[in-house]
Amino acid sequence: MAIRHVFSVDEVKTLELQGYRILTGLLEHYRPLLRLSRSQFKQLLEGKTQGLLLEGLLVRRLPNKHIKAYYQLCQESVGDVDVWESYCRCRLLQDMISGMTDQYALDEFKTLSVV
C-alpha cells in the first residue's frame, strides 16, 4: 500500500533520484583516494602531500573519528595486507558518507562539485 500511495508520488521519486546522484557523486569525488597505493595513502595521513595535491586536499576533509576507525580496522589485518588495507579505506569512505545527514551530504556534494 505504501509503495502505491507514498513511494510512487513524483516528489518522492525525485528525492530518490537526487539522493542517488548525491551519494554516487560523493563516492566519485573521493575515488582518487581509492586509487592510491597503501604507502601513498599512509603518506597523506601523515601530512606528506608532495605530488598528491588533490588527494591531500581530500584527505584533509576526512573526519578524525573516521581516520581513527580506519587505523583500528587496519590493525585487524587478515590475509593479504594490501587487500585488507584497501578494504579498510573503502570502509572509511563508506562510513563517512553513510554517516552524513541529508543536508550535509548535499552541501559536501555541492562544495566538491563547485555548484
N, C-alpha and C. Protein backbone atom coordinates (compact mmCIF):
# COMPACT_ATOMS: atom_id res chain seq x y z
N MET A 1 0.81 -1.19 0.00
CA MET A 1 0.00 0.00 0.00
C MET A 1 0.86 1.26 0.00
N ALA A 2 1.89 1.27 0.86
CA ALA A 2 2.77 2.44 0.92
C ALA A 2 3.47 2.65 -0.41
N ILE A 3 3.85 1.55 -1.05
CA ILE A 3 4.54 1.67 -2.34
C ILE A 3 3.64 2.39 -3.35
N ARG A 4 2.37 2.06 -3.33
CA ARG A 4 1.44 2.65 -4.28
C ARG A 4 1.10 4.10 -3.95
N HIS A 5 0.98 4.42 -2.66
CA HIS A 5 0.48 5.74 -2.28
C HIS A 5 1.56 6.73 -1.85
N VAL A 6 2.70 6.25 -1.43
CA VAL A 6 3.76 7.16 -0.97
C VAL A 6 4.94 7.15 -1.93
N PHE A 7 5.49 5.98 -2.17
CA PHE A 7 6.72 5.90 -2.95
C PHE A 7 6.52 6.07 -4.45
N SER A 8 5.29 6.11 -4.89
CA SER A 8 5.04 6.33 -6.31
C SER A 8 4.75 7.79 -6.62
N VAL A 9 4.70 8.63 -5.61
CA VAL A 9 4.47 10.06 -5.79
C VAL A 9 5.70 10.67 -6.47
N ASP A 10 5.47 11.54 -7.43
CA ASP A 10 6.58 12.14 -8.19
C ASP A 10 7.60 12.84 -7.30
N GLU A 11 7.15 13.52 -6.24
CA GLU A 11 8.07 14.22 -5.35
C GLU A 11 9.02 13.23 -4.67
N VAL A 12 8.51 12.08 -4.27
CA VAL A 12 9.34 11.07 -3.61
C VAL A 12 10.32 10.46 -4.61
N LYS A 13 9.86 10.21 -5.81
CA LYS A 13 10.75 9.68 -6.85
C LYS A 13 11.88 10.66 -7.14
N THR A 14 11.56 11.94 -7.18
CA THR A 14 12.57 12.97 -7.43
C THR A 14 13.60 12.99 -6.30
N LEU A 15 13.13 12.90 -5.05
CA LEU A 15 14.05 12.86 -3.91
C LEU A 15 14.97 11.64 -3.97
N GLU A 16 14.42 10.50 -4.37
CA GLU A 16 15.24 9.29 -4.50
C GLU A 16 16.33 9.48 -5.55
N LEU A 17 15.96 10.06 -6.69
CA LEU A 17 16.93 10.30 -7.75
C LEU A 17 18.00 11.29 -7.30
N GLN A 18 17.59 12.34 -6.60
CA GLN A 18 18.56 13.31 -6.11
C GLN A 18 19.51 12.66 -5.10
N GLY A 19 18.96 11.86 -4.19
CA GLY A 19 19.78 11.17 -3.21
C GLY A 19 20.78 10.24 -3.87
N TYR A 20 20.33 9.52 -4.88
CA TYR A 20 21.22 8.62 -5.61
C TYR A 20 22.37 9.41 -6.25
N ARG A 21 22.04 10.53 -6.86
CA ARG A 21 23.06 11.33 -7.54
C ARG A 21 24.06 11.92 -6.54
N ILE A 22 23.56 12.35 -5.39
CA ILE A 22 24.44 12.91 -4.36
C ILE A 22 25.40 11.83 -3.84
N LEU A 23 24.86 10.65 -3.52
CA LEU A 23 25.71 9.58 -2.98
C LEU A 23 26.75 9.11 -3.99
N THR A 24 26.32 8.87 -5.22
CA THR A 24 27.28 8.41 -6.22
C THR A 24 28.28 9.52 -6.55
N GLY A 25 27.81 10.76 -6.52
CA GLY A 25 28.71 11.89 -6.77
C GLY A 25 29.77 12.01 -5.70
N LEU A 26 29.38 11.85 -4.43
CA LEU A 26 30.36 11.92 -3.35
C LEU A 26 31.39 10.80 -3.47
N LEU A 27 30.93 9.61 -3.75
CA LEU A 27 31.86 8.49 -3.93
C LEU A 27 32.81 8.75 -5.09
N GLU A 28 32.30 9.34 -6.14
CA GLU A 28 33.12 9.65 -7.31
C GLU A 28 34.17 10.72 -6.95
N HIS A 29 33.79 11.72 -6.18
CA HIS A 29 34.73 12.77 -5.79
C HIS A 29 35.87 12.22 -4.93
N TYR A 30 35.55 11.23 -4.08
CA TYR A 30 36.57 10.67 -3.20
C TYR A 30 37.31 9.48 -3.82
N ARG A 31 36.95 9.09 -5.02
CA ARG A 31 37.59 7.96 -5.69
C ARG A 31 39.11 8.07 -5.79
N PRO A 32 39.68 9.26 -6.02
CA PRO A 32 41.14 9.34 -6.11
C PRO A 32 41.86 8.75 -4.89
N LEU A 33 41.22 8.78 -3.72
CA LEU A 33 41.84 8.20 -2.53
C LEU A 33 41.90 6.68 -2.62
N LEU A 34 41.01 6.09 -3.37
CA LEU A 34 41.00 4.63 -3.53
C LEU A 34 42.02 4.16 -4.55
N ARG A 35 42.46 5.05 -5.39
CA ARG A 35 43.42 4.69 -6.44
C ARG A 35 44.87 4.74 -5.96
N LEU A 36 45.08 5.24 -4.77
CA LEU A 36 46.43 5.36 -4.22
C LEU A 36 46.94 4.01 -3.74
N SER A 37 48.24 3.87 -3.72
CA SER A 37 48.83 2.69 -3.09
C SER A 37 48.70 2.84 -1.57
N ARG A 38 48.92 1.75 -0.88
CA ARG A 38 48.85 1.78 0.57
C ARG A 38 49.86 2.77 1.13
N SER A 39 51.07 2.77 0.59
CA SER A 39 52.12 3.68 1.09
C SER A 39 51.79 5.14 0.79
N GLN A 40 51.21 5.42 -0.36
CA GLN A 40 50.82 6.80 -0.69
C GLN A 40 49.74 7.29 0.27
N PHE A 41 48.76 6.43 0.56
CA PHE A 41 47.68 6.84 1.45
C PHE A 41 48.24 7.08 2.85
N LYS A 42 49.13 6.22 3.29
CA LYS A 42 49.76 6.39 4.61
C LYS A 42 50.52 7.72 4.65
N GLN A 43 51.22 8.01 3.57
CA GLN A 43 51.96 9.26 3.45
C GLN A 43 51.02 10.46 3.62
N LEU A 44 49.86 10.41 2.98
CA LEU A 44 48.89 11.50 3.09
C LEU A 44 48.38 11.65 4.51
N LEU A 45 48.09 10.53 5.16
CA LEU A 45 47.60 10.59 6.53
C LEU A 45 48.64 11.18 7.48
N GLU A 46 49.90 11.06 7.10
CA GLU A 46 50.99 11.64 7.89
C GLU A 46 51.24 13.11 7.52
N GLY A 47 50.43 13.64 6.60
CA GLY A 47 50.55 15.05 6.22
C GLY A 47 51.53 15.33 5.11
N LYS A 48 52.06 14.30 4.49
CA LYS A 48 53.02 14.46 3.39
C LYS A 48 52.25 14.39 2.07
N THR A 49 52.07 15.55 1.44
CA THR A 49 51.23 15.62 0.24
C THR A 49 52.00 15.85 -1.04
N GLN A 50 53.32 15.81 -1.00
CA GLN A 50 54.13 16.10 -2.17
C GLN A 50 53.72 15.22 -3.35
N GLY A 51 53.34 15.87 -4.45
CA GLY A 51 52.94 15.17 -5.66
C GLY A 51 51.52 14.64 -5.63
N LEU A 52 50.80 14.87 -4.54
CA LEU A 52 49.43 14.36 -4.40
C LEU A 52 48.51 15.49 -3.93
N LEU A 53 48.46 16.55 -4.71
CA LEU A 53 47.72 17.74 -4.30
C LEU A 53 46.24 17.45 -4.08
N LEU A 54 45.55 16.92 -5.08
CA LEU A 54 44.11 16.65 -4.96
C LEU A 54 43.83 15.67 -3.83
N GLU A 55 44.59 14.61 -3.79
CA GLU A 55 44.39 13.59 -2.77
C GLU A 55 44.64 14.15 -1.38
N GLY A 56 45.63 15.02 -1.26
CA GLY A 56 45.93 15.66 0.01
C GLY A 56 44.78 16.54 0.49
N LEU A 57 44.18 17.26 -0.44
CA LEU A 57 43.03 18.10 -0.09
C LEU A 57 41.85 17.24 0.35
N LEU A 58 41.65 16.12 -0.32
CA LEU A 58 40.55 15.23 0.05
C LEU A 58 40.77 14.60 1.42
N VAL A 59 41.98 14.17 1.70
CA VAL A 59 42.29 13.55 2.99
C VAL A 59 42.01 14.52 4.13
N ARG A 60 42.31 15.79 3.91
CA ARG A 60 42.06 16.78 4.97
C ARG A 60 40.58 16.97 5.27
N ARG A 61 39.71 16.52 4.37
CA ARG A 61 38.27 16.62 4.60
C ARG A 61 37.72 15.44 5.41
N LEU A 62 38.55 14.42 5.59
CA LEU A 62 38.10 13.24 6.33
C LEU A 62 38.06 13.53 7.82
N PRO A 63 36.95 13.20 8.48
CA PRO A 63 36.86 13.43 9.93
C PRO A 63 37.84 12.55 10.71
N ASN A 64 38.40 13.09 11.77
CA ASN A 64 39.37 12.36 12.58
C ASN A 64 38.80 11.05 13.12
N LYS A 65 37.53 11.05 13.50
CA LYS A 65 36.96 9.83 14.06
C LYS A 65 36.94 8.70 13.04
N HIS A 66 36.77 9.03 11.78
CA HIS A 66 36.79 8.00 10.74
C HIS A 66 38.21 7.53 10.45
N ILE A 67 39.16 8.43 10.55
CA ILE A 67 40.56 8.04 10.35
C ILE A 67 40.99 7.11 11.49
N LYS A 68 40.59 7.42 12.71
CA LYS A 68 40.92 6.55 13.85
C LYS A 68 40.30 5.16 13.65
N ALA A 69 39.06 5.12 13.20
CA ALA A 69 38.40 3.83 12.95
C ALA A 69 39.12 3.07 11.85
N TYR A 70 39.61 3.79 10.84
CA TYR A 70 40.38 3.18 9.76
C TYR A 70 41.64 2.51 10.33
N TYR A 71 42.38 3.24 11.16
CA TYR A 71 43.59 2.67 11.76
C TYR A 71 43.28 1.44 12.61
N GLN A 72 42.21 1.51 13.39
CA GLN A 72 41.84 0.37 14.23
C GLN A 72 41.48 -0.85 13.39
N LEU A 73 40.70 -0.63 12.33
CA LEU A 73 40.31 -1.73 11.47
C LEU A 73 41.52 -2.33 10.75
N CYS A 74 42.42 -1.49 10.31
CA CYS A 74 43.62 -1.98 9.61
C CYS A 74 44.49 -2.85 10.50
N GLN A 75 44.46 -2.61 11.81
CA GLN A 75 45.25 -3.41 12.73
C GLN A 75 44.75 -4.84 12.83
N GLU A 76 43.51 -5.07 12.43
CA GLU A 76 42.92 -6.41 12.48
C GLU A 76 43.23 -7.20 11.21
N SER A 77 44.28 -6.84 10.53
CA SER A 77 44.64 -7.41 9.24
C SER A 77 44.53 -8.94 9.20
N VAL A 78 43.89 -9.38 8.13
CA VAL A 78 43.78 -10.83 7.87
C VAL A 78 44.18 -11.07 6.42
N GLY A 79 45.07 -12.01 6.19
CA GLY A 79 45.47 -12.33 4.83
C GLY A 79 46.37 -11.28 4.21
N ASP A 80 46.12 -11.00 2.96
CA ASP A 80 46.92 -10.06 2.17
C ASP A 80 46.77 -8.64 2.74
N VAL A 81 47.88 -8.06 3.18
CA VAL A 81 47.87 -6.75 3.84
C VAL A 81 47.35 -5.67 2.90
N ASP A 82 47.76 -5.70 1.63
CA ASP A 82 47.33 -4.67 0.69
C ASP A 82 45.83 -4.75 0.41
N VAL A 83 45.32 -5.95 0.27
CA VAL A 83 43.88 -6.13 0.04
C VAL A 83 43.09 -5.67 1.26
N TRP A 84 43.56 -6.03 2.46
CA TRP A 84 42.87 -5.64 3.69
C TRP A 84 42.87 -4.12 3.85
N GLU A 85 44.01 -3.49 3.57
CA GLU A 85 44.09 -2.03 3.69
C GLU A 85 43.15 -1.37 2.71
N SER A 86 43.06 -1.90 1.51
CA SER A 86 42.14 -1.36 0.50
C SER A 86 40.69 -1.46 0.99
N TYR A 87 40.36 -2.58 1.60
CA TYR A 87 39.03 -2.76 2.19
C TYR A 87 38.79 -1.73 3.29
N CYS A 88 39.78 -1.52 4.14
CA CYS A 88 39.66 -0.55 5.23
C CYS A 88 39.43 0.85 4.69
N ARG A 89 40.12 1.19 3.61
CA ARG A 89 39.96 2.51 3.01
C ARG A 89 38.56 2.67 2.41
N CYS A 90 38.07 1.63 1.77
CA CYS A 90 36.69 1.66 1.25
C CYS A 90 35.70 1.86 2.38
N ARG A 91 35.91 1.14 3.48
CA ARG A 91 35.03 1.28 4.64
C ARG A 91 35.09 2.69 5.22
N LEU A 92 36.29 3.27 5.24
CA LEU A 92 36.47 4.63 5.74
C LEU A 92 35.55 5.58 4.98
N LEU A 93 35.59 5.52 3.66
CA LEU A 93 34.79 6.43 2.85
C LEU A 93 33.30 6.10 2.95
N GLN A 94 32.96 4.82 2.93
CA GLN A 94 31.55 4.43 3.04
C GLN A 94 30.97 4.86 4.38
N ASP A 95 31.72 4.64 5.46
CA ASP A 95 31.24 5.02 6.78
C ASP A 95 31.07 6.54 6.89
N MET A 96 32.02 7.27 6.33
CA MET A 96 31.94 8.72 6.37
C MET A 96 30.69 9.21 5.65
N ILE A 97 30.49 8.73 4.43
CA ILE A 97 29.37 9.20 3.62
C ILE A 97 28.04 8.72 4.19
N SER A 98 27.98 7.48 4.63
CA SER A 98 26.71 6.97 5.16
C SER A 98 26.32 7.65 6.47
N GLY A 99 27.30 8.22 7.17
CA GLY A 99 27.02 8.91 8.42
C GLY A 99 26.61 10.36 8.25
N MET A 100 26.63 10.84 7.02
CA MET A 100 26.26 12.24 6.77
C MET A 100 24.74 12.40 6.82
N THR A 101 24.31 13.53 7.33
CA THR A 101 22.90 13.86 7.22
C THR A 101 22.61 14.19 5.76
N ASP A 102 21.36 14.19 5.40
CA ASP A 102 21.00 14.52 4.01
C ASP A 102 21.51 15.90 3.63
N GLN A 103 21.32 16.87 4.52
CA GLN A 103 21.73 18.23 4.22
C GLN A 103 23.25 18.34 4.12
N TYR A 104 23.97 17.69 5.03
CA TYR A 104 25.43 17.75 4.98
C TYR A 104 25.95 17.08 3.70
N ALA A 105 25.36 15.95 3.33
CA ALA A 105 25.76 15.27 2.09
C ALA A 105 25.54 16.18 0.89
N LEU A 106 24.41 16.85 0.86
CA LEU A 106 24.12 17.78 -0.24
C LEU A 106 25.13 18.92 -0.25
N ASP A 107 25.40 19.48 0.92
CA ASP A 107 26.38 20.59 1.00
C ASP A 107 27.77 20.13 0.56
N GLU A 108 28.19 18.95 1.00
CA GLU A 108 29.51 18.43 0.62
C GLU A 108 29.56 18.17 -0.88
N PHE A 109 28.50 17.61 -1.44
CA PHE A 109 28.44 17.36 -2.88
C PHE A 109 28.55 18.67 -3.66
N LYS A 110 27.81 19.67 -3.21
CA LYS A 110 27.86 20.98 -3.88
C LYS A 110 29.26 21.58 -3.78
N THR A 111 29.86 21.48 -2.62
CA THR A 111 31.20 22.04 -2.42
C THR A 111 32.20 21.38 -3.35
N LEU A 112 32.18 20.05 -3.39
CA LEU A 112 33.15 19.33 -4.23
C LEU A 112 32.82 19.45 -5.72
N SER A 113 31.57 19.73 -6.03
CA SER A 113 31.18 19.85 -7.44
C SER A 113 31.29 21.30 -7.92
N VAL A 114 31.65 22.20 -7.04
CA VAL A 114 31.73 23.64 -7.33
C VAL A 114 30.41 24.13 -7.89
N VAL A 115 29.35 23.78 -7.17
CA VAL A 115 27.99 24.22 -7.56
C VAL A 115 27.61 25.42 -6.74
